[in-house]
Amino acid sequence: MSRADLDALAPVRRHRETQAERQWRQQRDLLREREAAVVAARAQWQAAREQQAQQREGLCQEHRGRAISVGELNAWSMQERRLIGELAEQARAVQVLHDEQLQQEQETAAAEQRLRGRRRDLEKLKALMERLDQEPGDE
């Protein structure tokens, strides 16, 4: 390969390396956002669990020591089911966010691997160019 070929190839390799770095940074930023979303969702879920426990305790205290009609019992049961359903929905949402975070971790790792490859390609090209500069010219 001639020096002219290498000179023509250098901007292409630099451009590819720059693109790979930009993509990796974008993926890394998305990963950070997903991690923050998971942390926030887990905190919200935990707060909801604590609130649900307090509401259950409140309902128990409200009805403790007295006779409950079937209607009141049904209403209490419906409230319990609603609270449990809300918690289950939040738990599913946390799991979805966690799964998205895992996917983003894989995408970020792949982007980082591509970046390393592009950097390696650029280093090889620079080494070839240096070697050609050091060799006596046959041209």
C-alpha atoms as a PDB file:
ATOM      1  CA  MET A   1       0.000   0.000   0.000  1.00  0.00           C
ATOM      2  CA  SER A   2       1.384   3.374  -0.965  1.00  0.00           C
ATOM      3  CA  ARG A   3       1.654   6.477   1.161  1.00  0.00           C
ATOM      4  CA  ALA A   4      -1.035   8.118  -0.990  1.00  0.00           C
ATOM      5  CA  ASP A   5      -3.403   5.239  -0.246  1.00  0.00           C
ATOM      6  CA  LEU A   6      -2.747   5.568   3.469  1.00  0.00           C
ATOM      7  CA  ASP A   7      -3.182   9.352   3.320  1.00  0.00           C
ATOM      8  CA  ALA A   8      -6.554   8.836   1.639  1.00  0.00           C
ATOM      9  CA  LEU A   9      -7.588   6.225   4.192  1.00  0.00           C
ATOM     10  CA  ALA A  10      -6.642   8.275   7.275  1.00  0.00           C
ATOM     11  CA  PRO A  11      -9.595  10.728   7.225  1.00  0.00           C
ATOM     12  CA  VAL A  12     -12.036   7.856   6.720  1.00  0.00           C
ATOM     13  CA  ARG A  13     -10.637   5.986   9.703  1.00  0.00           C
ATOM     14  CA  ARG A  14     -10.653   9.126  11.855  1.00  0.00           C
ATOM     15  CA  HIS A  15     -14.259   9.795  10.855  1.00  0.00           C
ATOM     16  CA  ARG A  16     -15.277   6.235  11.730  1.00  0.00           C
ATOM     17  CA  GLU A  17     -13.519   6.485  15.065  1.00  0.00           C
ATOM     18  CA  THR A  18     -15.264   9.795  15.815  1.00  0.00           C
ATOM     19  CA  GLN A  19     -18.649   8.315  14.908  1.00  0.00           C
ATOM     20  CA  ALA A  20     -18.029   5.256  17.065  1.00  0.00           C
ATOM     21  CA  GLU A  21     -17.055   7.467  19.989  1.00  0.00           C
ATOM     22  CA  ARG A  22     -20.159   9.620  19.564  1.00  0.00           C
ATOM     23  CA  GLN A  23     -22.373   6.512  19.436  1.00  0.00           C
ATOM     24  CA  TRP A  24     -20.691   5.075  22.517  1.00  0.00           C
ATOM     25  CA  ARG A  25     -21.212   8.342  24.438  1.00  0.00           C
ATOM     26  CA  GLN A  26     -24.889   8.390  23.424  1.00  0.00           C
ATOM     27  CA  GLN A  27     -25.349   4.790  24.542  1.00  0.00           C
ATOM     28  CA  ARG A  28     -23.537   5.517  27.816  1.00  0.00           C
ATOM     29  CA  ASP A  29     -25.764   8.534  28.450  1.00  0.00           C
ATOM     30  CA  LEU A  30     -28.879   6.458  27.738  1.00  0.00           C
ATOM     31  CA  LEU A  31     -27.603   3.824  30.146  1.00  0.00           C
ATOM     32  CA  ARG A  32     -27.156   6.429  32.872  1.00  0.00           C
ATOM     33  CA  GLU A  33     -30.708   7.669  32.263  1.00  0.00           C
ATOM     34  CA  ARG A  34     -32.069   4.135  32.469  1.00  0.00           C
ATOM     35  CA  GLU A  35     -30.140   3.448  35.661  1.00  0.00           C
ATOM     36  CA  ALA A  36     -31.569   6.623  37.216  1.00  0.00           C
ATOM     37  CA  ALA A  37     -35.076   5.641  36.087  1.00  0.00           C
ATOM     38  CA  VAL A  38     -34.710   2.222  37.716  1.00  0.00           C
ATOM     39  CA  VAL A  39     -33.489   3.755  40.972  1.00  0.00           C
ATOM     40  CA  ALA A  40     -36.381   6.240  40.986  1.00  0.00           C
ATOM     41  CA  ALA A  41     -38.966   3.568  40.146  1.00  0.00           C
ATOM     42  CA  ARG A  42     -37.661   1.287  42.880  1.00  0.00           C
ATOM     43  CA  ALA A  43     -37.794   4.120  45.403  1.00  0.00           C
ATOM     44  CA  GLN A  44     -41.339   4.955  44.326  1.00  0.00           C
ATOM     45  CA  TRP A  45     -42.338   1.294  44.571  1.00  0.00           C
ATOM     46  CA  GLN A  46     -40.799   1.007  48.033  1.00  0.00           C
ATOM     47  CA  ALA A  47     -42.638   4.143  49.167  1.00  0.00           C
ATOM     48  CA  ALA A  48     -45.887   2.727  47.784  1.00  0.00           C
ATOM     49  CA  ARG A  49     -45.271  -0.536  49.655  1.00  0.00           C
ATOM     50  CA  GLU A  50     -44.770   1.375  52.888  1.00  0.00           C
ATOM     51  CA  GLN A  51     -47.839   3.503  52.231  1.00  0.00           C
ATOM     52  CA  GLN A  52     -49.871   0.378  51.471  1.00  0.00           C
ATOM     53  CA  ALA A  53     -48.743  -1.195  54.729  1.00  0.00           C
ATOM     54  CA  GLN A  54     -49.824   1.947  56.593  1.00  0.00           C
ATOM     55  CA  GLN A  55     -53.191   1.941  54.830  1.00  0.00           C
ATOM     56  CA  ARG A  56     -53.712  -1.717  55.681  1.00  0.00           C
ATOM     57  CA  GLU A  57     -52.877  -1.003  59.297  1.00  0.00           C
ATOM     58  CA  GLY A  58     -55.277   1.935  59.263  1.00  0.00           C
ATOM     59  CA  LEU A  59     -58.057  -0.236  57.880  1.00  0.00           C
ATOM     60  CA  CYS A  60     -57.362  -2.871  60.518  1.00  0.00           C
ATOM     61  CA  GLN A  61     -57.435  -0.266  63.302  1.00  0.00           C
ATOM     62  CA  GLU A  62     -60.635   1.214  61.923  1.00  0.00           C
ATOM     63  CA  HIS A  63     -62.420  -2.125  62.033  1.00  0.00           C
ATOM     64  CA  ARG A  64     -60.762  -3.702  65.079  1.00  0.00           C
ATOM     65  CA  GLY A  65     -63.017  -4.803  67.878  1.00  0.00           C
ATOM     66  CA  ARG A  66     -66.322  -4.255  66.160  1.00  0.00           C
ATOM     67  CA  ALA A  67     -68.688  -6.261  64.066  1.00  0.00           C
ATOM     68  CA  ILE A  68     -68.384  -5.679  60.335  1.00  0.00           C
ATOM     69  CA  SER A  69     -71.247  -5.922  57.915  1.00  0.00           C
ATOM     70  CA  VAL A  70     -70.871  -7.904  54.717  1.00  0.00           C
ATOM     71  CA  GLY A  71     -70.894  -4.655  52.751  1.00  0.00           C
ATOM     72  CA  GLU A  72     -68.068  -3.197  54.850  1.00  0.00           C
ATOM     73  CA  LEU A  73     -66.135  -6.435  54.539  1.00  0.00           C
ATOM     74  CA  ASN A  74     -66.547  -6.411  50.769  1.00  0.00           C
ATOM     75  CA  ALA A  75     -65.469  -2.759  50.590  1.00  0.00           C
ATOM     76  CA  TRP A  76     -62.419  -3.530  52.728  1.00  0.00           C
ATOM     77  CA  SER A  77     -61.584  -6.507  50.551  1.00  0.00           C
ATOM     78  CA  MET A  78     -61.879  -4.381  47.405  1.00  0.00           C
ATOM     79  CA  GLN A  79     -59.546  -1.763  48.885  1.00  0.00           C
ATOM     80  CA  GLU A  80     -57.044  -4.496  49.743  1.00  0.00           C
ATOM     81  CA  ARG A  81     -57.196  -5.910  46.214  1.00  0.00           C
ATOM     82  CA  ARG A  82     -56.804  -2.442  44.702  1.00  0.00           C
ATOM     83  CA  LEU A  83     -53.724  -1.738  46.823  1.00  0.00           C
ATOM     84  CA  ILE A  84     -52.206  -5.124  45.991  1.00  0.00           C
ATOM     85  CA  GLY A  85     -52.948  -4.592  42.305  1.00  0.00           C
ATOM     86  CA  GLU A  86     -51.296  -1.177  42.328  1.00  0.00           C
ATOM     87  CA  LEU A  87     -48.191  -2.625  43.955  1.00  0.00           C
ATOM     88  CA  ALA A  88     -48.071  -5.460  41.445  1.00  0.00           C
ATOM     89  CA  GLU A  89     -48.362  -2.973  38.578  1.00  0.00           C
ATOM     90  CA  GLN A  90     -45.524  -0.892  39.996  1.00  0.00           C
ATOM     91  CA  ALA A  91     -43.402  -4.014  40.458  1.00  0.00           C
ATOM     92  CA  ARG A  92     -43.989  -4.929  36.799  1.00  0.00           C
ATOM     93  CA  ALA A  93     -43.016  -1.402  35.748  1.00  0.00           C
ATOM     94  CA  VAL A  94     -39.803  -1.649  37.774  1.00  0.00           C
ATOM     95  CA  GLN A  95     -39.034  -4.994  36.112  1.00  0.00           C
ATOM     96  CA  VAL A  96     -39.630  -3.535  32.642  1.00  0.00           C
ATOM     97  CA  LEU A  97     -37.277  -0.653  33.424  1.00  0.00           C
ATOM     98  CA  HIS A  98     -34.716  -3.082  34.781  1.00  0.00           C
ATOM     99  CA  ASP A  99     -34.940  -5.191  31.613  1.00  0.00           C
ATOM    100  CA  GLU A 100     -34.503  -2.049  29.506  1.00  0.00           C
ATOM    101  CA  GLN A 101     -31.450  -1.159  31.588  1.00  0.00           C
ATOM    102  CA  LEU A 102     -29.932  -4.599  30.960  1.00  0.00           C
ATOM    103  CA  GLN A 103     -30.556  -4.225  27.224  1.00  0.00           C
ATOM    104  CA  GLN A 104     -28.968  -0.774  27.298  1.00  0.00           C
ATOM    105  CA  GLU A 105     -25.943  -2.190  29.138  1.00  0.00           C
ATOM    106  CA  GLN A 106     -25.483  -4.666  26.282  1.00  0.00           C
ATOM    107  CA  GLU A 107     -25.874  -1.950  23.652  1.00  0.00           C
ATOM    108  CA  THR A 108     -23.385   0.266  25.484  1.00  0.00           C
ATOM    109  CA  ALA A 109     -20.874  -2.570  25.731  1.00  0.00           C
ATOM    110  CA  ALA A 110     -21.268  -3.291  22.002  1.00  0.00           C
ATOM    111  CA  ALA A 111     -20.751   0.396  21.170  1.00  0.00           C
ATOM    112  CA  GLU A 112     -17.640   0.453  23.361  1.00  0.00           C
ATOM    113  CA  GLN A 113     -16.327  -2.646  21.592  1.00  0.00           C
ATOM    114  CA  ARG A 114     -16.888  -0.980  18.198  1.00  0.00           C
ATOM    115  CA  LEU A 115     -15.065   2.104  19.459  1.00  0.00           C
ATOM    116  CA  ARG A 116     -12.096   0.008  20.557  1.00  0.00           C
ATOM    117  CA  GLY A 117     -12.011  -1.624  17.127  1.00  0.00           C
ATOM    118  CA  ARG A 118     -12.089   1.745  15.364  1.00  0.00           C
ATOM    119  CA  ARG A 119      -9.314   3.045  17.607  1.00  0.00           C
ATOM    120  CA  ARG A 120      -7.271  -0.070  16.909  1.00  0.00           C
ATOM    121  CA  ASP A 121      -7.798   0.408  13.145  1.00  0.00           C
ATOM    122  CA  LEU A 122      -6.632   4.008  13.419  1.00  0.00           C
ATOM    123  CA  GLU A 123      -3.571   3.012  15.459  1.00  0.00           C
ATOM    124  CA  LYS A 124      -2.650   0.373  12.876  1.00  0.00           C
ATOM    125  CA  LEU A 125      -2.940   2.942  10.106  1.00  0.00           C
ATOM    126  CA  LYS A 126      -0.754   5.389  12.015  1.00  0.00           C
ATOM    127  CA  ALA A 127       1.814   2.636  12.605  1.00  0.00           C
ATOM    128  CA  LEU A 128       1.826   1.804   8.873  1.00  0.00           C
ATOM    129  CA  MET A 129       2.279   5.456   7.992  1.00  0.00           C
ATOM    130  CA  GLU A 130       5.155   5.803  10.454  1.00  0.00           C
ATOM    131  CA  ARG A 131       6.757   2.683   9.049  1.00  0.00           C
ATOM    132  CA  LEU A 132       6.483   4.014   5.498  1.00  0.00           C
ATOM    133  CA  ASP A 133       8.013   7.299   6.638  1.00  0.00           C
ATOM    134  CA  GLN A 134      10.977   5.444   8.122  1.00  0.00           C
ATOM    135  CA  GLU A 135      11.613   3.193   5.128  1.00  0.00           C
ATOM    136  CA  PRO A 136      13.782   4.449   2.298  1.00  0.00           C
ATOM    137  CA  GLY A 137      11.523   5.523  -0.589  1.00  0.00           C
ATOM    138  CA  ASP A 138      11.340   3.241  -3.608  1.00  0.00           C
ATOM    139  CA  GLU A 139       9.050   5.646  -5.412  1.00  0.00           C
END
